[in-house]
Amino acid sequence: MMQQGYAAYRHASIDTADQGKLILIAYDVAIKHCKLALEKFDLGDKIEERTKHLFKAQDAVTELSSALRMDVGEIAHNLYRLYEYILRSLVDAGVKNNKGKIAEVLGYLENLRSAWDEAIKTLKSETAPTVEAGNVVMQG
């Protein structure tokens, strides 16, 4: 019986861990393409490539936004508003040739990724089972 409970717990933990990994991957994609778009700004004639990178960054931020669980409270709503601002800024950067907007967005994305990474590590350490004398002890 205890083994079944542990298996269910591990499965739930894996699902949470996988969701955390997906969030970090989406941030990594957005950050990577913002950096590549910034590089293309310096190469003047690379507008088409820059635009492709901006679209890929927008797609990643859209994924982050759509993954929000709005039922969990104010933090999700605040993140949604920030993601909307980031999306508008990326569009503005492309339309108005505004390199500064991409740099601003990149800063937000890097800070958010760092915060998510820390939160995921904290969650894992709080929910990780420990084994004492052959028995599984749940923490958190």
C-alpha atoms as a PDB file:
ATOM      1  CA  MET A   1       0.000   0.000   0.000  1.00  0.00           C
ATOM      2  CA  MET A   2       2.788   2.422   0.925  1.00  0.00           C
ATOM      3  CA  GLN A   3       4.533   1.541  -2.341  1.00  0.00           C
ATOM      4  CA  GLN A   4       1.454   2.595  -4.360  1.00  0.00           C
ATOM      5  CA  GLY A   5       1.268   5.907  -2.507  1.00  0.00           C
ATOM      6  CA  TYR A   6       4.927   6.527  -3.150  1.00  0.00           C
ATOM      7  CA  ALA A   7       4.523   5.681  -6.846  1.00  0.00           C
ATOM      8  CA  ALA A   8       1.631   8.136  -7.140  1.00  0.00           C
ATOM      9  CA  TYR A   9       3.662  10.779  -5.324  1.00  0.00           C
ATOM     10  CA  ARG A  10       6.665  10.227  -7.585  1.00  0.00           C
ATOM     11  CA  HIS A  11       4.434  10.468 -10.652  1.00  0.00           C
ATOM     12  CA  ALA A  12       2.999  13.782  -9.432  1.00  0.00           C
ATOM     13  CA  SER A  13       6.501  15.049  -8.702  1.00  0.00           C
ATOM     14  CA  ILE A  14       7.674  14.079 -12.160  1.00  0.00           C
ATOM     15  CA  ASP A  15       4.714  15.903 -13.718  1.00  0.00           C
ATOM     16  CA  THR A  16       5.576  19.024 -11.713  1.00  0.00           C
ATOM     17  CA  ALA A  17       9.260  18.704 -12.583  1.00  0.00           C
ATOM     18  CA  ASP A  18       8.447  18.279 -16.270  1.00  0.00           C
ATOM     19  CA  GLN A  19       6.229  21.387 -16.182  1.00  0.00           C
ATOM     20  CA  GLY A  20       9.084  23.300 -14.566  1.00  0.00           C
ATOM     21  CA  LYS A  21      11.517  22.103 -17.220  1.00  0.00           C
ATOM     22  CA  LEU A  22       9.122  23.191 -19.964  1.00  0.00           C
ATOM     23  CA  ILE A  23       8.825  26.657 -18.440  1.00  0.00           C
ATOM     24  CA  LEU A  24      12.609  27.003 -18.312  1.00  0.00           C
ATOM     25  CA  ILE A  25      12.913  25.770 -21.900  1.00  0.00           C
ATOM     26  CA  ALA A  26      10.393  28.391 -23.055  1.00  0.00           C
ATOM     27  CA  TYR A  27      12.408  31.090 -21.274  1.00  0.00           C
ATOM     28  CA  ASP A  28      15.628  29.745 -22.827  1.00  0.00           C
ATOM     29  CA  VAL A  29      14.086  29.916 -26.303  1.00  0.00           C
ATOM     30  CA  ALA A  30      12.810  33.474 -25.777  1.00  0.00           C
ATOM     31  CA  ILE A  31      16.164  34.621 -24.354  1.00  0.00           C
ATOM     32  CA  LYS A  32      18.158  32.954 -27.141  1.00  0.00           C
ATOM     33  CA  HIS A  33      16.069  34.561 -29.883  1.00  0.00           C
ATOM     34  CA  CYS A  34      16.133  37.995 -28.260  1.00  0.00           C
ATOM     35  CA  LYS A  35      19.934  37.787 -28.187  1.00  0.00           C
ATOM     36  CA  LEU A  36      20.032  36.663 -31.826  1.00  0.00           C
ATOM     37  CA  ALA A  37      17.668  39.490 -32.820  1.00  0.00           C
ATOM     38  CA  LEU A  38      19.951  41.973 -31.032  1.00  0.00           C
ATOM     39  CA  GLU A  39      22.924  40.634 -33.000  1.00  0.00           C
ATOM     40  CA  LYS A  40      21.018  41.177 -36.253  1.00  0.00           C
ATOM     41  CA  PHE A  41      20.367  44.826 -35.338  1.00  0.00           C
ATOM     42  CA  ASP A  42      24.083  45.439 -35.563  1.00  0.00           C
ATOM     43  CA  LEU A  43      24.198  43.925 -39.051  1.00  0.00           C
ATOM     44  CA  GLY A  44      21.763  46.426 -40.626  1.00  0.00           C
ATOM     45  CA  ASP A  45      20.799  44.336 -43.669  1.00  0.00           C
ATOM     46  CA  LYS A  46      19.566  41.369 -41.616  1.00  0.00           C
ATOM     47  CA  ILE A  47      16.013  42.648 -41.030  1.00  0.00           C
ATOM     48  CA  GLU A  48      14.351  39.455 -42.240  1.00  0.00           C
ATOM     49  CA  GLU A  49      16.462  37.261 -39.941  1.00  0.00           C
ATOM     50  CA  ARG A  50      15.912  39.645 -37.034  1.00  0.00           C
ATOM     51  CA  THR A  51      12.163  39.490 -37.619  1.00  0.00           C
ATOM     52  CA  LYS A  52      12.254  35.677 -37.574  1.00  0.00           C
ATOM     53  CA  HIS A  53      14.046  35.748 -34.226  1.00  0.00           C
ATOM     54  CA  LEU A  54      11.547  38.243 -32.824  1.00  0.00           C
ATOM     55  CA  PHE A  55       8.672  35.978 -33.935  1.00  0.00           C
ATOM     56  CA  LYS A  56      10.299  32.971 -32.256  1.00  0.00           C
ATOM     57  CA  ALA A  57      10.762  34.961 -29.041  1.00  0.00           C
ATOM     58  CA  GLN A  58       7.102  36.024 -29.256  1.00  0.00           C
ATOM     59  CA  ASP A  59       6.028  32.405 -29.733  1.00  0.00           C
ATOM     60  CA  ALA A  60       7.950  31.352 -26.613  1.00  0.00           C
ATOM     61  CA  VAL A  61       6.429  34.169 -24.531  1.00  0.00           C
ATOM     62  CA  THR A  62       2.971  33.267 -25.860  1.00  0.00           C
ATOM     63  CA  GLU A  63       3.588  29.697 -24.656  1.00  0.00           C
ATOM     64  CA  LEU A  64       4.550  30.999 -21.223  1.00  0.00           C
ATOM     65  CA  SER A  65       1.445  33.163 -21.119  1.00  0.00           C
ATOM     66  CA  SER A  66      -0.904  30.386 -22.205  1.00  0.00           C
ATOM     67  CA  ALA A  67       0.581  28.012 -19.600  1.00  0.00           C
ATOM     68  CA  LEU A  68      -0.379  30.324 -16.736  1.00  0.00           C
ATOM     69  CA  ARG A  69      -2.983  28.994 -14.340  1.00  0.00           C
ATOM     70  CA  MET A  70      -5.068  32.085 -13.718  1.00  0.00           C
ATOM     71  CA  ASP A  71      -6.926  30.338 -10.892  1.00  0.00           C
ATOM     72  CA  VAL A  72      -3.865  30.399  -8.639  1.00  0.00           C
ATOM     73  CA  GLY A  73      -4.051  34.071  -7.832  1.00  0.00           C
ATOM     74  CA  GLU A  74      -2.612  37.486  -8.319  1.00  0.00           C
ATOM     75  CA  ILE A  75       0.884  36.341  -9.270  1.00  0.00           C
ATOM     76  CA  ALA A  76      -0.471  34.647 -12.400  1.00  0.00           C
ATOM     77  CA  HIS A  77      -2.400  37.794 -13.337  1.00  0.00           C
ATOM     78  CA  ASN A  78       0.694  39.950 -12.838  1.00  0.00           C
ATOM     79  CA  LEU A  79       2.789  37.585 -14.953  1.00  0.00           C
ATOM     80  CA  TYR A  80       0.105  37.666 -17.640  1.00  0.00           C
ATOM     81  CA  ARG A  81       0.281  41.473 -17.745  1.00  0.00           C
ATOM     82  CA  LEU A  82       4.078  41.347 -17.899  1.00  0.00           C
ATOM     83  CA  TYR A  83       4.004  38.782 -20.720  1.00  0.00           C
ATOM     84  CA  GLU A  84       1.548  41.014 -22.603  1.00  0.00           C
ATOM     85  CA  TYR A  85       3.923  43.955 -22.163  1.00  0.00           C
ATOM     86  CA  ILE A  86       6.842  41.837 -23.378  1.00  0.00           C
ATOM     87  CA  LEU A  87       4.865  40.756 -26.461  1.00  0.00           C
ATOM     88  CA  ARG A  88       3.900  44.361 -27.278  1.00  0.00           C
ATOM     89  CA  SER A  89       7.525  45.419 -26.789  1.00  0.00           C
ATOM     90  CA  LEU A  90       8.813  42.729 -29.143  1.00  0.00           C
ATOM     91  CA  VAL A  91       6.326  43.796 -31.808  1.00  0.00           C
ATOM     92  CA  ASP A  92       7.259  47.439 -31.234  1.00  0.00           C
ATOM     93  CA  ALA A  93      10.961  46.582 -31.492  1.00  0.00           C
ATOM     94  CA  GLY A  94      10.432  45.044 -34.919  1.00  0.00           C
ATOM     95  CA  VAL A  95       8.055  47.662 -36.292  1.00  0.00           C
ATOM     96  CA  LYS A  96       9.911  50.716 -35.002  1.00  0.00           C
ATOM     97  CA  ASN A  97      13.423  49.298 -35.325  1.00  0.00           C
ATOM     98  CA  ASN A  98      13.859  49.738 -31.582  1.00  0.00           C
ATOM     99  CA  LYS A  99      16.875  47.793 -30.330  1.00  0.00           C
ATOM    100  CA  GLY A 100      16.421  49.188 -26.808  1.00  0.00           C
ATOM    101  CA  LYS A 101      13.063  47.422 -26.422  1.00  0.00           C
ATOM    102  CA  ILE A 102      14.665  44.048 -27.101  1.00  0.00           C
ATOM    103  CA  ALA A 103      17.391  44.746 -24.549  1.00  0.00           C
ATOM    104  CA  GLU A 104      14.720  45.720 -22.005  1.00  0.00           C
ATOM    105  CA  VAL A 105      12.704  42.559 -22.707  1.00  0.00           C
ATOM    106  CA  LEU A 106      15.838  40.427 -22.509  1.00  0.00           C
ATOM    107  CA  GLY A 107      16.494  41.769 -19.012  1.00  0.00           C
ATOM    108  CA  TYR A 108      12.956  40.875 -17.894  1.00  0.00           C
ATOM    109  CA  LEU A 109      13.196  37.402 -19.405  1.00  0.00           C
ATOM    110  CA  GLU A 110      16.553  36.652 -17.793  1.00  0.00           C
ATOM    111  CA  ASN A 111      15.313  37.813 -14.383  1.00  0.00           C
ATOM    112  CA  LEU A 112      12.091  35.822 -14.686  1.00  0.00           C
ATOM    113  CA  ARG A 113      13.954  32.706 -15.801  1.00  0.00           C
ATOM    114  CA  SER A 114      16.278  33.003 -12.834  1.00  0.00           C
ATOM    115  CA  ALA A 115      13.304  33.398 -10.456  1.00  0.00           C
ATOM    116  CA  TRP A 116      11.518  30.381 -11.974  1.00  0.00           C
ATOM    117  CA  ASP A 117      14.680  28.293 -11.782  1.00  0.00           C
ATOM    118  CA  GLU A 118      15.067  29.156  -8.094  1.00  0.00           C
ATOM    119  CA  ALA A 119      11.373  28.454  -7.387  1.00  0.00           C
ATOM    120  CA  ILE A 120      11.550  25.075  -9.118  1.00  0.00           C
ATOM    121  CA  LYS A 121      14.677  24.092  -7.171  1.00  0.00           C
ATOM    122  CA  THR A 122      13.009  25.155  -3.918  1.00  0.00           C
ATOM    123  CA  LEU A 123       9.872  23.189  -4.755  1.00  0.00           C
ATOM    124  CA  LYS A 124      11.902  20.094  -5.569  1.00  0.00           C
ATOM    125  CA  SER A 125      13.852  20.274  -2.313  1.00  0.00           C
ATOM    126  CA  GLU A 126      10.674  20.819  -0.260  1.00  0.00           C
ATOM    127  CA  THR A 127       8.755  17.965  -1.862  1.00  0.00           C
ATOM    128  CA  ALA A 128      11.553  15.441  -2.277  1.00  0.00           C
ATOM    129  CA  PRO A 129      10.940  12.330  -0.207  1.00  0.00           C
ATOM    130  CA  THR A 130      13.631  11.216   2.172  1.00  0.00           C
ATOM    131  CA  VAL A 131      14.346   7.658   3.146  1.00  0.00           C
ATOM    132  CA  GLU A 132      14.827   6.879   6.822  1.00  0.00           C
ATOM    133  CA  ALA A 133      15.604   3.306   7.835  1.00  0.00           C
ATOM    134  CA  GLY A 134      13.886   1.920   4.750  1.00  0.00           C
ATOM    135  CA  ASN A 135      10.701   3.995   5.151  1.00  0.00           C
ATOM    136  CA  VAL A 136       9.705   6.791   2.836  1.00  0.00           C
ATOM    137  CA  VAL A 137       9.079  10.009   4.733  1.00  0.00           C
ATOM    138  CA  MET A 138       7.308  12.813   2.908  1.00  0.00           C
ATOM    139  CA  GLN A 139       8.453  16.337   3.554  1.00  0.00           C
ATOM    140  CA  GLY A 140       6.712  19.629   2.847  1.00  0.00           C
END
